[in-house]
Amino acid sequence: METEQLIGTLNNWVSQQLLIQKEEMNDLDETFLTLEDVRYKPQPRDTEDYMEGNTLQLSGEGLILEGQMTASLPYESYDIPLEGLENVMIAEDNLSFDTARGRYRIAFKR
């Protein structure tokens, strides 16, 4: 249910510029992405934890912010592993949620 809500909200934001923030162990990563497509990629976990589980893939051109510098998003997509998805909060122009990897906040500019 929460996954469907995330996908529905993000699909409404296609063609918008997003700011994606991921906080993991007191480290904040920020990425700007012009959202072109949203995909849910179900994948069973393998026995050796080599492959990720279910993933939310946000496609589009983007920039990774690293301090005062920027770098292009290497694969024109931003993948979010959804293992441990919880605390989903959706508002008109932003959403946030927690996963086993960290806390995510996604907002778009009008």
C-alpha atoms as a PDB file:
ATOM      1  CA  MET A   1       0.000   0.000   0.000  1.00  0.00           C
ATOM      2  CA  GLU A   2       2.709   2.500   0.956  1.00  0.00           C
ATOM      3  CA  THR A   3       4.720   1.604  -2.153  1.00  0.00           C
ATOM      4  CA  GLU A   4       1.698   2.278  -4.390  1.00  0.00           C
ATOM      5  CA  GLN A   5       1.167   5.662  -2.703  1.00  0.00           C
ATOM      6  CA  LEU A   6       4.813   6.618  -3.308  1.00  0.00           C
ATOM      7  CA  ILE A   7       4.637   5.579  -6.961  1.00  0.00           C
ATOM      8  CA  GLY A   8       1.333   7.416  -7.488  1.00  0.00           C
ATOM      9  CA  THR A   9       2.658  10.627  -5.970  1.00  0.00           C
ATOM     10  CA  LEU A  10       5.920  10.464  -7.897  1.00  0.00           C
ATOM     11  CA  ASN A  11       4.063   9.793 -11.163  1.00  0.00           C
ATOM     12  CA  ASN A  12       2.207  13.075 -10.560  1.00  0.00           C
ATOM     13  CA  TRP A  13       5.600  14.800 -10.401  1.00  0.00           C
ATOM     14  CA  VAL A  14       6.923  13.581 -13.775  1.00  0.00           C
ATOM     15  CA  SER A  15       8.573  16.475 -15.671  1.00  0.00           C
ATOM     16  CA  GLN A  16       9.306  18.292 -12.404  1.00  0.00           C
ATOM     17  CA  GLN A  17      12.722  18.989 -10.916  1.00  0.00           C
ATOM     18  CA  LEU A  18      13.121  17.050  -7.681  1.00  0.00           C
ATOM     19  CA  LEU A  19      15.480  17.453  -4.770  1.00  0.00           C
ATOM     20  CA  ILE A  20      16.230  14.025  -3.305  1.00  0.00           C
ATOM     21  CA  GLN A  21      17.836  13.969   0.121  1.00  0.00           C
ATOM     22  CA  LYS A  22      19.110  10.794   1.720  1.00  0.00           C
ATOM     23  CA  GLU A  23      20.347  10.793   5.296  1.00  0.00           C
ATOM     24  CA  GLU A  24      22.374   7.790   6.349  1.00  0.00           C
ATOM     25  CA  MET A  25      24.449   7.609   9.522  1.00  0.00           C
ATOM     26  CA  ASN A  26      24.672  11.422   9.903  1.00  0.00           C
ATOM     27  CA  ASP A  27      25.691  11.816   6.246  1.00  0.00           C
ATOM     28  CA  LEU A  28      23.405  13.824   3.940  1.00  0.00           C
ATOM     29  CA  ASP A  29      23.440  13.162   0.196  1.00  0.00           C
ATOM     30  CA  GLU A  30      21.546  15.512  -2.127  1.00  0.00           C
ATOM     31  CA  THR A  31      20.624  14.999  -5.771  1.00  0.00           C
ATOM     32  CA  PHE A  32      18.646  17.150  -8.200  1.00  0.00           C
ATOM     33  CA  LEU A  33      16.732  15.112 -10.771  1.00  0.00           C
ATOM     34  CA  THR A  34      14.372  16.110 -13.576  1.00  0.00           C
ATOM     35  CA  LEU A  35      11.942  13.229 -13.226  1.00  0.00           C
ATOM     36  CA  GLU A  36      11.112  11.445 -16.490  1.00  0.00           C
ATOM     37  CA  ASP A  37       9.852   8.057 -15.300  1.00  0.00           C
ATOM     38  CA  VAL A  38       9.058   6.108 -12.136  1.00  0.00           C
ATOM     39  CA  ARG A  39       9.471   2.343 -11.978  1.00  0.00           C
ATOM     40  CA  TYR A  40       9.007  -0.259  -9.299  1.00  0.00           C
ATOM     41  CA  LYS A  41      11.461  -3.113  -9.725  1.00  0.00           C
ATOM     42  CA  PRO A  42      10.501  -6.169  -7.670  1.00  0.00           C
ATOM     43  CA  GLN A  43      13.449  -8.461  -7.068  1.00  0.00           C
ATOM     44  CA  PRO A  44      13.619 -11.410  -4.709  1.00  0.00           C
ATOM     45  CA  ARG A  45      16.550 -11.263  -2.338  1.00  0.00           C
ATOM     46  CA  ASP A  46      19.199 -13.824  -3.053  1.00  0.00           C
ATOM     47  CA  THR A  47      20.566 -16.087  -0.361  1.00  0.00           C
ATOM     48  CA  GLU A  48      23.898 -14.244  -0.202  1.00  0.00           C
ATOM     49  CA  ASP A  49      22.399 -10.701  -0.015  1.00  0.00           C
ATOM     50  CA  TYR A  50      24.272  -9.822  -3.204  1.00  0.00           C
ATOM     51  CA  MET A  51      21.252  -8.397  -5.028  1.00  0.00           C
ATOM     52  CA  GLU A  52      19.017  -5.693  -3.597  1.00  0.00           C
ATOM     53  CA  GLY A  53      15.388  -6.408  -2.868  1.00  0.00           C
ATOM     54  CA  ASN A  54      12.546  -4.313  -4.279  1.00  0.00           C
ATOM     55  CA  THR A  55      13.705  -1.018  -5.722  1.00  0.00           C
ATOM     56  CA  LEU A  56      12.084   2.277  -6.680  1.00  0.00           C
ATOM     57  CA  GLN A  57      13.821   3.678  -9.765  1.00  0.00           C
ATOM     58  CA  LEU A  58      13.512   7.370 -10.593  1.00  0.00           C
ATOM     59  CA  SER A  59      14.750   8.065 -14.140  1.00  0.00           C
ATOM     60  CA  GLY A  60      15.920  11.359 -15.568  1.00  0.00           C
ATOM     61  CA  GLU A  61      18.886  13.668 -15.842  1.00  0.00           C
ATOM     62  CA  GLY A  62      20.364  14.717 -12.561  1.00  0.00           C
ATOM     63  CA  LEU A  63      23.162  16.279 -10.579  1.00  0.00           C
ATOM     64  CA  ILE A  64      24.724  15.017  -7.380  1.00  0.00           C
ATOM     65  CA  LEU A  65      25.631  17.795  -4.931  1.00  0.00           C
ATOM     66  CA  GLU A  66      28.965  17.292  -3.191  1.00  0.00           C
ATOM     67  CA  GLY A  67      29.635  20.276  -0.981  1.00  0.00           C
ATOM     68  CA  GLN A  68      30.079  23.239  -3.323  1.00  0.00           C
ATOM     69  CA  MET A  69      30.609  20.984  -6.356  1.00  0.00           C
ATOM     70  CA  THR A  70      28.234  19.021  -8.570  1.00  0.00           C
ATOM     71  CA  ALA A  71      28.628  15.859 -10.633  1.00  0.00           C
ATOM     72  CA  SER A  72      26.297  14.304 -13.203  1.00  0.00           C
ATOM     73  CA  LEU A  73      24.168  11.406 -12.098  1.00  0.00           C
ATOM     74  CA  PRO A  74      26.078   8.484 -13.634  1.00  0.00           C
ATOM     75  CA  TYR A  75      23.217   6.307 -14.912  1.00  0.00           C
ATOM     76  CA  GLU A  76      20.364   8.797 -15.470  1.00  0.00           C
ATOM     77  CA  SER A  77      18.427   7.103 -12.710  1.00  0.00           C
ATOM     78  CA  TYR A  78      18.285   7.190  -8.944  1.00  0.00           C
ATOM     79  CA  ASP A  79      17.568   3.826  -7.322  1.00  0.00           C
ATOM     80  CA  ILE A  80      16.073   3.553  -3.850  1.00  0.00           C
ATOM     81  CA  PRO A  81      16.118   0.113  -2.185  1.00  0.00           C
ATOM     82  CA  LEU A  82      12.761  -0.269  -0.425  1.00  0.00           C
ATOM     83  CA  GLU A  83      13.701  -2.879   2.163  1.00  0.00           C
ATOM     84  CA  GLY A  84      12.330  -1.808   5.542  1.00  0.00           C
ATOM     85  CA  LEU A  85       9.999   0.841   4.078  1.00  0.00           C
ATOM     86  CA  GLU A  86       8.152   2.662   6.867  1.00  0.00           C
ATOM     87  CA  ASN A  87       7.072   6.088   8.137  1.00  0.00           C
ATOM     88  CA  VAL A  88       5.796   7.211   4.738  1.00  0.00           C
ATOM     89  CA  MET A  89       4.598  10.827   4.838  1.00  0.00           C
ATOM     90  CA  ILE A  90       3.134  12.409   1.694  1.00  0.00           C
ATOM     91  CA  ALA A  91       2.307  16.101   1.294  1.00  0.00           C
ATOM     92  CA  GLU A  92       1.421  18.209  -1.746  1.00  0.00           C
ATOM     93  CA  ASP A  93       4.994  19.033  -2.756  1.00  0.00           C
ATOM     94  CA  ASN A  94       7.170  16.602  -0.784  1.00  0.00           C
ATOM     95  CA  LEU A  95       7.309  13.145   0.679  1.00  0.00           C
ATOM     96  CA  SER A  96       9.521  11.359   3.156  1.00  0.00           C
ATOM     97  CA  PHE A  97      10.080   7.800   4.271  1.00  0.00           C
ATOM     98  CA  ASP A  98      12.551   5.532   6.020  1.00  0.00           C
ATOM     99  CA  THR A  99      14.167   2.377   4.670  1.00  0.00           C
ATOM    100  CA  ALA A 100      16.796   0.015   6.020  1.00  0.00           C
ATOM    101  CA  ARG A 101      19.354   2.225   4.226  1.00  0.00           C
ATOM    102  CA  GLY A 102      18.333   5.606   5.625  1.00  0.00           C
ATOM    103  CA  ARG A 103      15.798   8.423   5.647  1.00  0.00           C
ATOM    104  CA  TYR A 104      14.684   9.911   2.329  1.00  0.00           C
ATOM    105  CA  ARG A 105      12.999  13.222   1.568  1.00  0.00           C
ATOM    106  CA  ILE A 106      11.889  14.094  -1.950  1.00  0.00           C
ATOM    107  CA  ALA A 107      10.520  17.517  -2.858  1.00  0.00           C
ATOM    108  CA  PHE A 108       9.741  19.224  -6.140  1.00  0.00           C
ATOM    109  CA  LYS A 109       9.986  22.822  -7.245  1.00  0.00           C
ATOM    110  CA  ARG A 110       6.869  24.380  -8.743  1.00  0.00           C
END
